[in-house]
Protein backbone atom coordinates (compact mmCIF):
# COMPACT_ATOMS: atom_id res chain seq x y z
CA GLY A 1 -1.85 -38.22 -14.71
CA ASN A 2 0.32 -35.39 -13.54
CA ARG A 3 0.03 -33.43 -16.77
CA ASP A 4 -3.74 -33.12 -16.87
CA TRP A 5 -3.67 -29.89 -14.89
CA PHE A 6 -0.88 -28.20 -16.82
CA THR A 7 -2.47 -27.49 -20.21
CA PRO A 8 -5.60 -25.74 -18.89
CA PHE A 9 -3.44 -23.84 -16.38
CA TYR A 10 -1.01 -22.80 -19.12
CA ASN A 11 -3.84 -21.66 -21.40
CA LYS A 12 -5.36 -19.55 -18.61
CA LEU A 13 -1.95 -18.00 -17.92
CA VAL A 14 -1.57 -17.06 -21.58
CA GLU A 15 -5.06 -15.51 -21.48
CA TYR A 16 -4.15 -13.60 -18.31
CA LYS A 17 -1.01 -12.19 -19.88
CA GLU A 18 -2.85 -11.16 -23.07
CA LYS A 19 -5.44 -9.34 -20.99
CA ASN A 20 -3.09 -7.73 -18.44
CA GLY A 21 0.20 -7.43 -20.32
CA ASN A 22 2.11 -9.13 -17.50
CA PHE A 23 1.69 -11.43 -14.52
CA PHE A 24 1.23 -8.76 -11.82
CA GLY A 25 -1.52 -9.74 -9.45
CA VAL A 26 -1.77 -13.25 -10.87
CA THR A 27 -1.78 -14.81 -7.40
CA THR A 28 -4.97 -12.90 -6.65
CA ALA A 29 -6.69 -14.12 -9.85
CA ILE A 30 -9.51 -16.42 -8.79
CA GLU A 31 -8.90 -19.33 -11.17
CA LEU A 32 -5.13 -19.05 -11.29
CA GLY A 33 -3.79 -17.81 -7.98
CA SER A 34 -3.54 -20.98 -5.95
CA THR A 35 -2.02 -22.94 -8.84
CA VAL A 36 0.52 -20.19 -9.48
CA SER A 37 1.60 -20.42 -5.84
CA ILE A 38 1.95 -24.21 -6.11
CA VAL A 39 3.92 -23.98 -9.37
CA ARG A 40 6.29 -21.41 -7.87
CA ALA A 41 6.81 -23.59 -4.80
CA ALA A 42 7.35 -26.67 -6.99
CA TYR A 43 9.96 -24.78 -8.98
CA LYS A 44 11.93 -24.31 -5.75
CA ASP A 45 11.30 -27.98 -4.83
CA LYS A 46 9.14 -26.88 -1.93
CA HIS A 47 5.99 -28.71 -3.03
CA ASN A 48 5.17 -32.30 -3.88
CA THR A 49 4.05 -31.26 -7.38
CA LYS A 50 6.81 -31.93 -9.91
CA LEU A 51 7.44 -29.74 -12.92
CA THR A 52 8.91 -31.27 -16.04
CA GLN A 53 11.57 -29.39 -17.99
CA GLU A 54 9.03 -29.07 -20.79
CA MET A 55 6.60 -27.27 -18.42
CA ILE A 56 9.36 -24.97 -17.19
CA ASP A 57 10.40 -24.18 -20.78
CA LYS A 58 6.80 -23.39 -21.78
CA LEU A 59 6.37 -21.08 -18.80
CA ASN A 60 9.70 -19.36 -19.47
CA ALA A 61 8.64 -18.84 -23.09
CA ILE A 62 5.67 -16.71 -22.00
CA GLY A 63 7.77 -14.75 -19.51
CA PHE A 64 6.22 -16.34 -16.43
CA THR A 65 7.53 -14.78 -13.22
CA TRP A 66 8.87 -17.49 -10.93
CA SER A 67 8.86 -15.37 -7.84
CA GLY A 68 5.90 -13.18 -7.12
CA GLY A 69 8.10 -10.60 -5.62
CA ASN A 70 6.56 -8.56 -2.93
CA HIS A 71 5.03 -6.11 -5.34
CA GLU A 72 2.68 -8.38 -7.19
CA TRP A 73 -0.26 -7.55 -4.92
CA PHE A 74 0.19 -3.80 -5.10
CA ILE A 75 -1.16 -2.87 -8.55
CA PRO A 76 -4.54 -4.60 -8.18
CA PHE A 77 -4.80 -3.25 -4.62
CA TYR A 78 -4.02 0.31 -5.76
CA ASN A 79 -6.56 0.09 -8.58
CA LYS A 80 -9.25 -1.10 -6.14
CA LEU A 81 -8.45 1.81 -3.84
CA ILE A 82 -8.95 4.26 -6.68
CA GLU A 83 -12.29 2.62 -7.58
CA TYR A 84 -13.37 2.90 -3.94
CA LYS A 85 -12.41 6.56 -3.72
CA ILE A 86 -14.22 7.39 -6.98
CA LYS A 87 -17.33 5.63 -5.70
CA PHE A 88 -17.39 7.07 -2.17
CA GLY A 89 -15.24 10.19 -2.41
CA ASN A 90 -12.99 9.11 0.46
CA PHE A 91 -11.70 6.07 2.32
CA TYR A 92 -14.17 6.10 5.24
CA GLY A 93 -15.33 2.62 6.10
CA ILE A 94 -12.90 0.97 3.71
CA THR A 95 -11.81 -1.69 6.19
CA LYS A 96 -15.40 -2.97 6.20
CA ASP A 97 -15.25 -3.49 2.44
CA GLU A 98 -15.12 -7.27 1.96
CA GLU A 99 -12.87 -7.22 -1.06
CA ILE A 100 -10.27 -4.66 -0.09
CA GLY A 101 -10.73 -4.13 3.66
CA PRO A 102 -8.38 -6.89 4.85
CA SER A 103 -5.63 -5.61 2.53
CA VAL A 104 -6.04 -2.08 3.87
CA SER A 105 -5.39 -3.38 7.39
CA HIS A 106 -2.26 -5.23 6.20
CA VAL A 107 -0.97 -2.12 4.41
CA ARG A 108 -1.51 0.04 7.47
CA ALA A 109 0.36 -2.53 9.57
CA ALA A 110 3.17 -2.68 7.00
CA LYS A 111 3.68 1.08 7.24
CA LYS A 112 4.39 0.53 10.95
CA GLY A 113 6.81 -2.27 10.04
CA LYS A 114 4.44 -4.99 11.18
CA GLY A 115 3.06 -8.02 9.34
CA LYS A 116 4.30 -9.78 6.23
CA LEU A 117 3.84 -7.08 3.61
CA LYS A 118 6.68 -4.75 2.75
CA LEU A 119 6.02 -1.31 1.34
CA THR A 120 8.55 0.38 -0.89
CA PRO A 121 9.00 4.16 -0.66
CA ARG A 122 7.37 4.36 -4.13
CA MET A 123 4.28 2.49 -2.90
CA ILE A 124 3.95 4.85 0.05
CA GLU A 125 4.33 7.80 -2.31
CA LYS A 126 1.61 6.42 -4.65
CA LEU A 127 -0.75 5.86 -1.70
CA ASN A 128 -0.10 9.36 -0.37
CA GLU A 129 -0.88 10.81 -3.82
CA ILE A 130 -4.42 9.42 -3.68
CA GLY A 131 -4.90 10.50 -0.07
CA PHE A 132 -4.86 6.99 1.36
CA ALA A 133 -6.02 6.95 4.99
CA TRP A 134 -3.09 5.51 6.96
CA LYS A 135 -5.11 5.51 10.17
CA ALA A 136 -8.66 4.36 10.61
CA GLU A 137 -10.97 7.32 10.94
CA PRO A 138 -12.69 7.71 14.31
CA LYS A 139 -16.41 6.98 14.20
CA TYR A 140 -17.40 10.25 15.82
CA LYS A 141 -15.35 13.29 15.08
CA PRO A 142 -15.93 16.35 17.24
CA GLU A 143 -16.39 19.44 15.09
CA ASN A 144 -14.23 21.41 17.42
CA ASN A 145 -11.77 20.09 19.97
CA SER A 146 -12.03 23.01 22.36
CA ILE A 147 -15.06 22.90 24.62
CA ASP A 148 -16.69 26.18 25.40
CA ASN A 149 -17.82 25.93 29.00
CA THR A 150 -19.23 29.40 29.24
CA CYS A 151 -22.95 29.35 29.52
CA ASP A 152 -24.68 32.47 28.34
CA LEU A 153 -28.42 32.09 28.57
């Protein structure tokens, strides 16, 4: 039946909230993310899944956020950036990192007003604080941009 999925989903959500204190980043949680997206769409009648009033009441009771807002992705992303910087000392090569690389590209695009992500001034400020690399670093960096063409042998 239709309800078979709800109880395990609900229990996982409760677990997620106990662990994280809120539902930030829930759409990126492996076991929960896709279902959260479906439930949010169903709530707006934009999915063929139907939510009963009882389901809605249970989700409201745990403070479930019905819209992810645009900020939901930011906290886990920011935390991963910090981990990366601690591990490598900088952000070189970060776009090649399987887990966070694609997000870095989206964030860089967002700063230029491109793509789907929106950055708030506070997000930009937080990224600047940790020295986030807004541009990809060139592979080969000349030590000195002026070329000395005098030849003293």
